[in-house]
Amino acid sequence: MKTKNNVQKAVLRSAAVVVSFVLISFTVSAQTFWKRLLENTGFSDIAIAMAAPTEMEDIEGIPAETEANYYFVEEVEPAMEVEAWMTDDSRFNTTQFVYSEASETSLELEDWMMNETLFQPVVEEEAALELEAWMVSESTWNI
């Protein structure tokens, strides 16, 4: 009977390990699945499909056979220019800050600090440890 219980425990443990490995692998592979799914389908694709005219015709000289990618213009921001205030050293000079050393007043000894009656050491005594019956019982620690 004891061997049967041990075998059942071992089988359950190994099954739990196998199931956890399977779940971890599904989780890892599902991360990329959801990422690909959300990247490849979106509301913009659906909106373009619904807004597209049923009959393609030439619009302002653009042939109907051209793909939609040619309608988009890539925008470019103008180059940043250095302005006069950016190179003005008087704006970024460290001498504008005034540093002063911090000084503290010296500590003074007061009368109450020297009064020994105000500071009595507290001695805490712990009870001696005692050996209890369960600590030495072989039935408790039978390995």
Protein backbone atom coordinates (compact mmCIF):
# COMPACT_ATOMS: atom_id res chain seq x y z
CA MET A 1 0.00 0.00 0.00
CA LYS A 2 2.83 2.38 0.87
CA THR A 3 4.58 1.65 -2.44
CA LYS A 4 1.36 2.31 -4.32
CA ASN A 5 1.02 5.73 -2.64
CA ASN A 6 4.64 6.60 -3.43
CA VAL A 7 4.19 5.60 -7.08
CA GLN A 8 1.03 7.69 -7.33
CA LYS A 9 2.83 10.69 -5.85
CA ALA A 10 5.73 10.29 -8.27
CA VAL A 11 3.37 10.00 -11.26
CA LEU A 12 1.41 13.09 -10.18
CA ARG A 13 4.60 15.11 -9.71
CA SER A 14 5.98 14.15 -13.11
CA ALA A 15 2.61 14.87 -14.73
CA ALA A 16 2.57 18.30 -13.08
CA VAL A 17 6.06 19.03 -14.40
CA VAL A 18 5.10 17.97 -17.94
CA VAL A 19 1.91 20.05 -17.86
CA SER A 20 3.81 23.10 -16.62
CA PHE A 21 6.39 22.76 -19.44
CA VAL A 22 3.57 22.50 -22.00
CA LEU A 23 1.82 25.57 -20.59
CA ILE A 24 5.04 27.58 -20.57
CA SER A 25 5.74 26.68 -24.21
CA PHE A 26 2.19 27.68 -25.19
CA THR A 27 2.59 30.97 -23.36
CA VAL A 28 5.88 31.78 -25.06
CA SER A 29 4.60 30.92 -28.53
CA ALA A 30 1.32 32.77 -27.91
CA GLN A 31 3.17 36.03 -27.25
CA THR A 32 4.44 36.19 -30.82
CA PHE A 33 1.09 34.97 -32.17
CA TRP A 34 -0.86 37.85 -30.62
CA LYS A 35 1.78 40.34 -31.68
CA ARG A 36 1.59 39.18 -35.31
CA LEU A 37 -2.19 39.11 -35.22
CA LEU A 38 -2.47 42.67 -33.95
CA GLU A 39 0.15 43.97 -36.40
CA ASN A 40 -1.39 42.41 -39.50
CA THR A 41 -5.03 43.26 -38.85
CA GLY A 42 -6.27 46.63 -37.89
CA PHE A 43 -9.06 49.10 -38.24
CA SER A 44 -7.15 51.01 -40.92
CA ASP A 45 -7.22 48.00 -43.26
CA ILE A 46 -10.96 47.57 -42.74
CA ALA A 47 -11.60 51.29 -43.26
CA ILE A 48 -9.62 51.34 -46.51
CA ALA A 49 -11.49 48.28 -47.79
CA MET A 50 -14.89 49.80 -46.98
CA ALA A 51 -14.05 53.24 -48.38
CA ALA A 52 -12.60 52.00 -51.66
CA PRO A 53 -14.89 52.75 -54.62
CA THR A 54 -16.42 49.75 -56.35
CA GLU A 55 -15.48 51.04 -59.77
CA MET A 56 -11.93 52.19 -60.21
CA GLU A 57 -11.57 55.26 -62.37
CA ASP A 58 -8.82 57.70 -63.17
CA ILE A 59 -8.57 60.47 -60.59
CA GLU A 60 -6.57 63.53 -61.62
CA GLY A 61 -4.39 61.62 -64.00
CA ILE A 62 -3.56 58.75 -61.68
CA PRO A 63 -4.32 55.49 -63.44
CA ALA A 64 -6.69 53.08 -61.68
CA GLU A 65 -4.13 50.26 -61.79
CA THR A 66 -1.63 51.97 -59.48
CA GLU A 67 -1.41 50.74 -55.93
CA ALA A 68 -2.53 52.84 -52.98
CA ASN A 69 1.06 53.15 -51.73
CA TYR A 70 1.76 55.75 -54.41
CA TYR A 71 -0.92 58.10 -53.11
CA PHE A 72 0.86 58.69 -49.82
CA VAL A 73 3.49 61.40 -49.59
CA GLU A 74 6.30 60.92 -47.15
CA GLU A 75 6.57 64.02 -45.01
CA VAL A 76 9.96 65.35 -44.02
CA GLU A 77 10.52 67.79 -41.20
CA PRO A 78 12.68 70.82 -41.94
CA ALA A 79 16.22 70.73 -40.63
CA MET A 80 16.72 72.26 -37.21
CA GLU A 81 18.54 75.56 -37.15
CA VAL A 82 20.87 76.88 -34.47
CA GLU A 83 19.55 80.12 -33.08
CA ALA A 84 21.59 82.92 -31.54
CA TRP A 85 20.46 82.32 -27.96
CA MET A 86 21.62 78.70 -28.20
CA THR A 87 25.24 79.73 -28.63
CA ASP A 88 25.21 82.65 -26.20
CA ASP A 89 27.67 81.80 -23.41
CA SER A 90 26.13 84.27 -20.98
CA ARG A 91 22.99 82.11 -20.81
CA PHE A 92 24.86 78.93 -19.92
CA ASN A 93 27.60 80.27 -17.68
CA THR A 94 28.17 78.51 -14.36
CA THR A 95 29.35 81.68 -12.63
CA GLN A 96 25.75 82.78 -12.30
CA PHE A 97 25.38 80.37 -9.40
CA VAL A 98 26.71 81.49 -6.04
CA TYR A 99 28.02 78.71 -3.89
CA SER A 100 28.34 79.19 -0.15
CA GLU A 101 29.71 76.67 2.26
CA ALA A 102 27.26 75.39 4.79
CA SER A 103 28.33 75.99 8.32
CA GLU A 104 26.75 74.52 11.42
CA THR A 105 26.81 75.82 14.92
CA SER A 106 28.90 73.77 17.29
CA LEU A 107 27.09 71.34 19.53
CA GLU A 108 26.82 72.31 23.17
CA LEU A 109 26.75 70.01 26.14
CA GLU A 110 23.73 70.60 28.37
CA ASP A 111 23.21 69.65 32.01
CA TRP A 112 20.54 67.00 31.40
CA MET A 113 22.93 65.18 29.07
CA MET A 114 25.33 64.54 31.92
CA ASN A 115 22.69 63.55 34.50
CA GLU A 116 23.12 59.78 35.03
CA THR A 117 19.81 59.42 36.84
CA LEU A 118 17.97 60.11 33.59
CA PHE A 119 19.75 57.27 31.79
CA GLN A 120 19.46 53.99 33.59
CA PRO A 121 20.49 50.88 31.73
CA VAL A 122 17.70 48.39 31.27
CA VAL A 123 18.73 44.79 31.75
CA GLU A 124 16.44 42.32 30.07
CA GLU A 125 16.65 38.76 31.20
CA GLU A 126 15.37 35.96 29.04
CA ALA A 127 14.00 32.78 30.47
CA ALA A 128 16.30 29.80 30.18
CA LEU A 129 15.50 27.46 27.34
CA GLU A 130 13.96 24.20 28.37
CA LEU A 131 13.98 20.85 26.64
CA GLU A 132 10.46 19.61 25.93
CA ALA A 133 9.28 16.06 25.36
CA TRP A 134 8.37 16.47 21.68
CA MET A 135 11.87 17.72 20.92
CA VAL A 136 13.40 14.38 21.78
CA SER A 137 10.52 12.14 20.75
CA GLU A 138 11.49 9.57 18.12
CA SER A 139 7.93 9.45 16.78
CA THR A 140 8.14 13.16 15.91
CA TRP A 141 11.54 12.96 14.22
CA ASN A 142 11.32 9.49 12.69
CA ILE A 143 13.09 9.83 9.36
